[in-house]
Amino acid sequence: MLLAVVTAGETRRLPLGTLHNPGPGYMPLLLAVILGVLGAIVALRGGGAPRLIALRWSEAPHAFAILAGSAFAAFALERLGYRLTVIVLLAFLLGVMERKRPAVVVAVALGLSLGSFFLFSNLLKVPLPRGPWGL
């Protein structure tokens, strides 16, 4: 909740705009309010949850693999380009971690990588890293 209060306070420096024409401070303030509400819910209702030490971490290897894949993507995005990085990341997550069939892995990895690149780069005009080979 403290992070939400600090974020909401910092958004005062940015113009909020209106509902129909939001300014740069609109979304951070909205996210700060949502974070504050969720923090209040956790603070009020979190006492009934089991203690952290009592939880079993049977999915820890899976979580660490996802974290490692995310770290790879963060470091490889500029070096390999958006499309190739997303293909490698999805192939790892679906093929290695989820053990999906190769045809499904290839279809999803290529479809999401190329489709999201087309959407963001061509339609929304968001500059995405292309990597050393123009990919």
N, C-alpha and C. Protein backbone atom coordinates (compact mmCIF):
# COMPACT_ATOMS: atom_id res chain seq x y z
N MET A 1 0.83 -1.18 0.00
CA MET A 1 0.00 0.00 0.00
C MET A 1 0.88 1.25 0.00
N LEU A 2 2.05 1.14 0.64
CA LEU A 2 2.96 2.28 0.67
C LEU A 2 3.44 2.62 -0.74
N LEU A 3 3.75 1.61 -1.53
CA LEU A 3 4.16 1.85 -2.92
C LEU A 3 3.04 2.55 -3.70
N ALA A 4 1.81 2.17 -3.46
CA ALA A 4 0.68 2.80 -4.14
C ALA A 4 0.56 4.27 -3.75
N VAL A 5 0.75 4.57 -2.48
CA VAL A 5 0.67 5.96 -2.02
C VAL A 5 1.79 6.80 -2.62
N VAL A 6 3.00 6.25 -2.63
CA VAL A 6 4.14 6.98 -3.21
C VAL A 6 3.92 7.20 -4.71
N THR A 7 3.47 6.19 -5.41
CA THR A 7 3.22 6.31 -6.85
C THR A 7 2.12 7.33 -7.13
N ALA A 8 1.05 7.28 -6.36
CA ALA A 8 -0.03 8.25 -6.54
C ALA A 8 0.47 9.66 -6.27
N GLY A 9 1.32 9.81 -5.29
CA GLY A 9 1.89 11.13 -5.00
C GLY A 9 2.78 11.64 -6.11
N GLU A 10 3.54 10.75 -6.71
CA GLU A 10 4.44 11.15 -7.78
C GLU A 10 3.69 11.51 -9.06
N THR A 11 2.50 10.94 -9.26
CA THR A 11 1.75 11.24 -10.48
C THR A 11 1.18 12.66 -10.46
N ARG A 12 1.23 13.33 -9.32
CA ARG A 12 0.76 14.71 -9.27
C ARG A 12 1.59 15.61 -10.16
N ARG A 13 2.81 15.23 -10.45
CA ARG A 13 3.68 16.03 -11.31
C ARG A 13 3.27 15.97 -12.78
N LEU A 14 2.49 14.96 -13.14
CA LEU A 14 2.07 14.77 -14.52
C LEU A 14 0.62 15.19 -14.69
N PRO A 15 0.26 15.75 -15.83
CA PRO A 15 -1.14 16.10 -16.05
C PRO A 15 -2.00 14.85 -16.21
N LEU A 16 -3.17 14.84 -15.57
CA LEU A 16 -4.06 13.69 -15.63
C LEU A 16 -4.88 13.65 -16.91
N GLY A 17 -5.28 14.81 -17.40
CA GLY A 17 -6.15 14.85 -18.57
C GLY A 17 -7.57 14.53 -18.17
N THR A 18 -8.34 14.04 -19.13
CA THR A 18 -9.73 13.69 -18.87
C THR A 18 -9.94 12.21 -19.21
N LEU A 19 -11.16 11.75 -18.98
CA LEU A 19 -11.47 10.36 -19.29
C LEU A 19 -11.39 10.10 -20.80
N HIS A 20 -11.81 11.08 -21.60
CA HIS A 20 -11.79 10.92 -23.05
C HIS A 20 -10.44 11.28 -23.67
N ASN A 21 -9.64 12.04 -22.94
CA ASN A 21 -8.31 12.43 -23.43
C ASN A 21 -7.32 12.33 -22.27
N PRO A 22 -6.94 11.09 -21.89
CA PRO A 22 -6.07 10.93 -20.72
C PRO A 22 -4.67 11.47 -20.96
N GLY A 23 -4.12 12.05 -19.91
CA GLY A 23 -2.76 12.55 -19.96
C GLY A 23 -1.76 11.50 -19.50
N PRO A 24 -0.48 11.85 -19.43
CA PRO A 24 0.55 10.88 -19.05
C PRO A 24 0.46 10.43 -17.60
N GLY A 25 -0.25 11.13 -16.74
CA GLY A 25 -0.37 10.73 -15.34
C GLY A 25 -1.59 9.88 -15.07
N TYR A 26 -2.44 9.70 -16.06
CA TYR A 26 -3.70 8.98 -15.86
C TYR A 26 -3.49 7.50 -15.53
N MET A 27 -2.74 6.81 -16.36
CA MET A 27 -2.55 5.38 -16.16
C MET A 27 -1.75 5.06 -14.90
N PRO A 28 -0.65 5.79 -14.60
CA PRO A 28 0.04 5.50 -13.34
C PRO A 28 -0.84 5.71 -12.11
N LEU A 29 -1.69 6.74 -12.16
CA LEU A 29 -2.59 6.97 -11.02
C LEU A 29 -3.62 5.85 -10.92
N LEU A 30 -4.17 5.43 -12.05
CA LEU A 30 -5.14 4.33 -12.05
C LEU A 30 -4.50 3.04 -11.51
N LEU A 31 -3.28 2.74 -11.95
CA LEU A 31 -2.59 1.55 -11.45
C LEU A 31 -2.24 1.66 -9.97
N ALA A 32 -1.92 2.87 -9.51
CA ALA A 32 -1.63 3.07 -8.09
C ALA A 32 -2.88 2.84 -7.25
N VAL A 33 -4.03 3.29 -7.74
CA VAL A 33 -5.28 3.07 -7.01
C VAL A 33 -5.60 1.58 -6.95
N ILE A 34 -5.44 0.89 -8.07
CA ILE A 34 -5.70 -0.56 -8.09
C ILE A 34 -4.74 -1.28 -7.13
N LEU A 35 -3.47 -0.90 -7.16
CA LEU A 35 -2.48 -1.50 -6.27
C LEU A 35 -2.83 -1.23 -4.81
N GLY A 36 -3.28 -0.03 -4.51
CA GLY A 36 -3.67 0.31 -3.14
C GLY A 36 -4.86 -0.50 -2.67
N VAL A 37 -5.86 -0.66 -3.54
CA VAL A 37 -7.05 -1.46 -3.19
C VAL A 37 -6.65 -2.91 -2.95
N LEU A 38 -5.84 -3.47 -3.84
CA LEU A 38 -5.40 -4.86 -3.66
C LEU A 38 -4.53 -5.02 -2.41
N GLY A 39 -3.69 -4.02 -2.14
CA GLY A 39 -2.89 -4.06 -0.91
C GLY A 39 -3.75 -4.02 0.33
N ALA A 40 -4.81 -3.22 0.30
CA ALA A 40 -5.73 -3.17 1.44
C ALA A 40 -6.45 -4.50 1.64
N ILE A 41 -6.84 -5.13 0.54
CA ILE A 41 -7.50 -6.44 0.64
C ILE A 41 -6.55 -7.46 1.25
N VAL A 42 -5.30 -7.47 0.80
CA VAL A 42 -4.32 -8.40 1.37
C VAL A 42 -4.09 -8.11 2.84
N ALA A 43 -4.00 -6.83 3.20
CA ALA A 43 -3.76 -6.47 4.60
C ALA A 43 -4.93 -6.87 5.49
N LEU A 44 -6.14 -6.74 4.99
CA LEU A 44 -7.31 -7.05 5.79
C LEU A 44 -7.63 -8.55 5.83
N ARG A 45 -7.41 -9.25 4.73
CA ARG A 45 -7.82 -10.65 4.66
C ARG A 45 -6.66 -11.62 4.66
N GLY A 46 -5.42 -11.14 4.66
CA GLY A 46 -4.26 -12.01 4.55
C GLY A 46 -3.94 -12.80 5.80
N GLY A 47 -4.51 -12.46 6.93
CA GLY A 47 -4.21 -13.16 8.17
C GLY A 47 -4.65 -14.61 8.18
N GLY A 48 -5.63 -14.96 7.37
CA GLY A 48 -6.13 -16.33 7.34
C GLY A 48 -5.32 -17.25 6.45
N ALA A 49 -4.37 -16.73 5.71
CA ALA A 49 -3.57 -17.55 4.80
C ALA A 49 -2.52 -18.33 5.60
N PRO A 50 -2.08 -19.47 5.08
CA PRO A 50 -1.03 -20.22 5.78
C PRO A 50 0.29 -19.46 5.75
N ARG A 51 1.13 -19.73 6.72
CA ARG A 51 2.43 -19.07 6.79
C ARG A 51 3.29 -19.50 5.61
N LEU A 52 4.17 -18.61 5.20
CA LEU A 52 5.02 -18.87 4.05
C LEU A 52 5.87 -20.11 4.25
N ILE A 53 6.35 -20.32 5.45
CA ILE A 53 7.22 -21.46 5.74
C ILE A 53 6.46 -22.79 5.65
N ALA A 54 5.12 -22.73 5.79
CA ALA A 54 4.32 -23.95 5.74
C ALA A 54 3.97 -24.35 4.31
N LEU A 55 4.19 -23.47 3.36
CA LEU A 55 3.84 -23.77 1.98
C LEU A 55 4.85 -24.73 1.36
N ARG A 56 4.36 -25.62 0.51
CA ARG A 56 5.23 -26.52 -0.22
C ARG A 56 5.57 -25.87 -1.55
N TRP A 57 6.81 -25.97 -1.94
CA TRP A 57 7.27 -25.34 -3.16
C TRP A 57 7.51 -26.40 -4.23
N SER A 58 6.51 -27.20 -4.53
CA SER A 58 6.66 -28.26 -5.52
C SER A 58 6.84 -27.69 -6.93
N GLU A 59 6.38 -26.49 -7.17
CA GLU A 59 6.50 -25.87 -8.48
C GLU A 59 7.71 -24.95 -8.59
N ALA A 60 8.61 -24.99 -7.61
CA ALA A 60 9.78 -24.10 -7.62
C ALA A 60 10.65 -24.28 -8.87
N PRO A 61 10.96 -25.50 -9.31
CA PRO A 61 11.78 -25.62 -10.52
C PRO A 61 11.10 -24.98 -11.74
N HIS A 62 9.79 -25.15 -11.83
CA HIS A 62 9.02 -24.55 -12.92
C HIS A 62 9.10 -23.02 -12.85
N ALA A 63 8.94 -22.47 -11.66
CA ALA A 63 9.00 -21.02 -11.49
C ALA A 63 10.39 -20.48 -11.81
N PHE A 64 11.42 -21.17 -11.40
CA PHE A 64 12.78 -20.72 -11.69
C PHE A 64 13.08 -20.79 -13.19
N ALA A 65 12.54 -21.80 -13.87
CA ALA A 65 12.73 -21.89 -15.32
C ALA A 65 12.05 -20.73 -16.04
N ILE A 66 10.87 -20.36 -15.59
CA ILE A 66 10.17 -19.21 -16.17
C ILE A 66 10.96 -17.93 -15.90
N LEU A 67 11.48 -17.80 -14.70
CA LEU A 67 12.30 -16.64 -14.36
C LEU A 67 13.56 -16.60 -15.22
N ALA A 68 14.19 -17.74 -15.42
CA ALA A 68 15.38 -17.80 -16.27
C ALA A 68 15.04 -17.45 -17.72
N GLY A 69 13.91 -17.92 -18.21
CA GLY A 69 13.47 -17.57 -19.56
C GLY A 69 13.22 -16.08 -19.70
N SER A 70 12.63 -15.48 -18.68
CA SER A 70 12.39 -14.04 -18.70
C SER A 70 13.69 -13.26 -18.67
N ALA A 71 14.65 -13.72 -17.88
CA ALA A 71 15.96 -13.06 -17.84
C ALA A 71 16.65 -13.18 -19.19
N PHE A 72 16.57 -14.36 -19.81
CA PHE A 72 17.13 -14.54 -21.14
C PHE A 72 16.51 -13.54 -22.12
N ALA A 73 15.20 -13.42 -22.09
CA ALA A 73 14.51 -12.51 -23.00
C ALA A 73 14.94 -11.06 -22.78
N ALA A 74 15.11 -10.68 -21.52
CA ALA A 74 15.52 -9.31 -21.22
C ALA A 74 16.91 -9.02 -21.78
N PHE A 75 17.82 -9.96 -21.68
CA PHE A 75 19.18 -9.76 -22.16
C PHE A 75 19.30 -9.98 -23.67
N ALA A 76 18.48 -10.83 -24.25
CA ALA A 76 18.63 -11.18 -25.67
C ALA A 76 17.83 -10.27 -26.60
N LEU A 77 16.88 -9.53 -26.08
CA LEU A 77 15.98 -8.76 -26.93
C LEU A 77 16.72 -7.82 -27.87
N GLU A 78 17.64 -7.05 -27.36
CA GLU A 78 18.39 -6.12 -28.21
C GLU A 78 19.40 -6.85 -29.10
N ARG A 79 19.95 -7.95 -28.62
CA ARG A 79 21.00 -8.65 -29.36
C ARG A 79 20.44 -9.52 -30.49
N LEU A 80 19.33 -10.21 -30.21
CA LEU A 80 18.76 -11.12 -31.21
C LEU A 80 17.58 -10.53 -31.97
N GLY A 81 16.98 -9.49 -31.44
CA GLY A 81 15.79 -8.92 -32.03
C GLY A 81 14.54 -9.51 -31.40
N TYR A 82 13.44 -8.81 -31.58
CA TYR A 82 12.18 -9.20 -30.95
C TYR A 82 11.70 -10.56 -31.42
N ARG A 83 11.60 -10.74 -32.73
CA ARG A 83 11.00 -11.97 -33.26
C ARG A 83 11.79 -13.22 -32.87
N LEU A 84 13.09 -13.20 -33.03
CA LEU A 84 13.90 -14.37 -32.70
C LEU A 84 13.88 -14.66 -31.20
N THR A 85 13.93 -13.61 -30.38
CA THR A 85 13.90 -13.79 -28.93
C THR A 85 12.59 -14.43 -28.49
N VAL A 86 11.47 -13.95 -29.03
CA VAL A 86 10.16 -14.50 -28.66
C VAL A 86 10.04 -15.94 -29.15
N ILE A 87 10.56 -16.24 -30.32
CA ILE A 87 10.51 -17.62 -30.82
C ILE A 87 11.28 -18.55 -29.88
N VAL A 88 12.49 -18.16 -29.50
CA VAL A 88 13.32 -18.99 -28.62
C VAL A 88 12.65 -19.13 -27.25
N LEU A 89 12.14 -18.04 -26.71
CA LEU A 89 11.50 -18.09 -25.39
C LEU A 89 10.27 -18.99 -25.40
N LEU A 90 9.41 -18.84 -26.39
CA LEU A 90 8.22 -19.67 -26.45
C LEU A 90 8.56 -21.13 -26.73
N ALA A 91 9.57 -21.37 -27.55
CA ALA A 91 10.00 -22.76 -27.79
C ALA A 91 10.48 -23.40 -26.50
N PHE A 92 11.22 -22.64 -25.70
CA PHE A 92 11.69 -23.16 -24.42
C PHE A 92 10.52 -23.42 -23.47
N LEU A 93 9.64 -22.43 -23.32
CA LEU A 93 8.54 -22.58 -22.37
C LEU A 93 7.57 -23.68 -22.79
N LEU A 94 7.22 -23.72 -24.06
CA LEU A 94 6.25 -24.72 -24.50
C LEU A 94 6.88 -26.08 -24.77
N GLY A 95 8.04 -26.09 -25.38
CA GLY A 95 8.66 -27.36 -25.75
C GLY A 95 9.37 -28.05 -24.62
N VAL A 96 10.15 -27.29 -23.83
CA VAL A 96 10.93 -27.89 -22.76
C VAL A 96 10.13 -27.97 -21.46
N MET A 97 9.53 -26.86 -21.08
CA MET A 97 8.84 -26.82 -19.79
C MET A 97 7.48 -27.52 -19.82
N GLU A 98 6.70 -27.26 -20.86
CA GLU A 98 5.34 -27.83 -20.93
C GLU A 98 5.26 -29.12 -21.73
N ARG A 99 6.34 -29.46 -22.44
CA ARG A 99 6.43 -30.69 -23.22
C ARG A 99 5.26 -30.86 -24.21
N LYS A 100 5.00 -29.79 -24.94
CA LYS A 100 3.97 -29.85 -25.97
C LYS A 100 4.55 -30.49 -27.23
N ARG A 101 3.68 -30.92 -28.12
CA ARG A 101 4.13 -31.53 -29.37
C ARG A 101 4.90 -30.52 -30.20
N PRO A 102 5.91 -30.97 -30.95
CA PRO A 102 6.73 -30.04 -31.75
C PRO A 102 5.92 -29.19 -32.72
N ALA A 103 4.90 -29.76 -33.33
CA ALA A 103 4.09 -28.98 -34.28
C ALA A 103 3.39 -27.83 -33.58
N VAL A 104 2.89 -28.08 -32.38
CA VAL A 104 2.22 -27.04 -31.60
C VAL A 104 3.22 -25.97 -31.19
N VAL A 105 4.40 -26.38 -30.76
CA VAL A 105 5.44 -25.43 -30.35
C VAL A 105 5.82 -24.52 -31.50
N VAL A 106 6.07 -25.10 -32.66
CA VAL A 106 6.47 -24.31 -33.82
C VAL A 106 5.35 -23.36 -34.23
N ALA A 107 4.12 -23.86 -34.28
CA ALA A 107 3.00 -23.02 -34.71
C ALA A 107 2.77 -21.85 -33.75
N VAL A 108 2.77 -22.13 -32.46
CA VAL A 108 2.53 -21.07 -31.48
C VAL A 108 3.69 -20.08 -31.44
N ALA A 109 4.91 -20.59 -31.43
CA ALA A 109 6.08 -19.70 -31.36
C ALA A 109 6.15 -18.79 -32.57
N LEU A 110 6.00 -19.35 -33.77
CA LEU A 110 6.05 -18.53 -34.97
C LEU A 110 4.84 -17.59 -35.06
N GLY A 111 3.67 -18.12 -34.75
CA GLY A 111 2.46 -17.30 -34.83
C GLY A 111 2.47 -16.12 -33.88
N LEU A 112 2.81 -16.37 -32.63
CA LEU A 112 2.84 -15.28 -31.65
C LEU A 112 3.97 -14.30 -31.93
N SER A 113 5.11 -14.82 -32.30
CA SER A 113 6.24 -13.94 -32.55
C SER A 113 5.98 -13.03 -33.75
N LEU A 114 5.63 -13.62 -34.87
CA LEU A 114 5.42 -12.84 -36.09
C LEU A 114 4.15 -12.01 -36.00
N GLY A 115 3.10 -12.57 -35.41
CA GLY A 115 1.84 -11.84 -35.29
C GLY A 115 1.95 -10.63 -34.36
N SER A 116 2.58 -10.81 -33.21
CA SER A 116 2.72 -9.68 -32.29
C SER A 116 3.68 -8.64 -32.85
N PHE A 117 4.71 -9.08 -33.58
CA PHE A 117 5.61 -8.11 -34.21
C PHE A 117 4.87 -7.28 -35.25
N PHE A 118 4.07 -7.94 -36.07
CA PHE A 118 3.29 -7.22 -37.08
C PHE A 118 2.34 -6.23 -36.42
N LEU A 119 1.65 -6.67 -35.37
CA LEU A 119 0.70 -5.80 -34.68
C LEU A 119 1.39 -4.57 -34.11
N PHE A 120 2.45 -4.78 -33.35
CA PHE A 120 3.09 -3.66 -32.68
C PHE A 120 3.92 -2.80 -33.63
N SER A 121 4.68 -3.43 -34.50
CA SER A 121 5.59 -2.68 -35.36
C SER A 121 4.87 -2.00 -36.52
N ASN A 122 4.03 -2.74 -37.21
CA ASN A 122 3.39 -2.20 -38.41
C ASN A 122 2.11 -1.43 -38.12
N LEU A 123 1.23 -2.00 -37.31
CA LEU A 123 -0.06 -1.36 -37.08
C LEU A 123 0.00 -0.27 -36.01
N LEU A 124 0.69 -0.55 -34.90
CA LEU A 124 0.74 0.42 -33.80
C LEU A 124 1.97 1.32 -33.86
N LYS A 125 2.87 1.03 -34.80
CA LYS A 125 4.07 1.84 -35.01
C LYS A 125 4.97 1.94 -33.77
N VAL A 126 5.08 0.83 -33.04
CA VAL A 126 5.98 0.75 -31.88
C VAL A 126 7.31 0.21 -32.37
N PRO A 127 8.40 0.95 -32.18
CA PRO A 127 9.69 0.43 -32.65
C PRO A 127 10.17 -0.73 -31.79
N LEU A 128 10.35 -1.88 -32.41
CA LEU A 128 10.83 -3.07 -31.72
C LEU A 128 12.23 -3.41 -32.22
N PRO A 129 13.07 -3.98 -31.35
CA PRO A 129 14.43 -4.35 -31.78
C PRO A 129 14.40 -5.37 -32.91
N ARG A 130 15.24 -5.16 -33.93
CA ARG A 130 15.28 -6.06 -35.07
C ARG A 130 16.47 -7.00 -35.04
N GLY A 131 17.45 -6.75 -34.20
CA GLY A 131 18.58 -7.66 -34.09
C GLY A 131 19.60 -7.46 -35.19
N PRO A 132 20.68 -8.23 -35.15
CA PRO A 132 21.78 -8.03 -36.11
C PRO A 132 21.43 -8.46 -37.54
N TRP A 133 20.48 -9.33 -37.73
CA TRP A 133 20.14 -9.83 -39.07
C TRP A 133 18.86 -9.19 -39.60
N GLY A 134 18.42 -8.14 -38.97
CA GLY A 134 17.19 -7.49 -39.40
C GLY A 134 15.94 -8.23 -38.98
N LEU A 135 16.08 -9.22 -38.09
CA LEU A 135 14.93 -9.98 -37.62
C LEU A 135 14.41 -9.33 -36.37
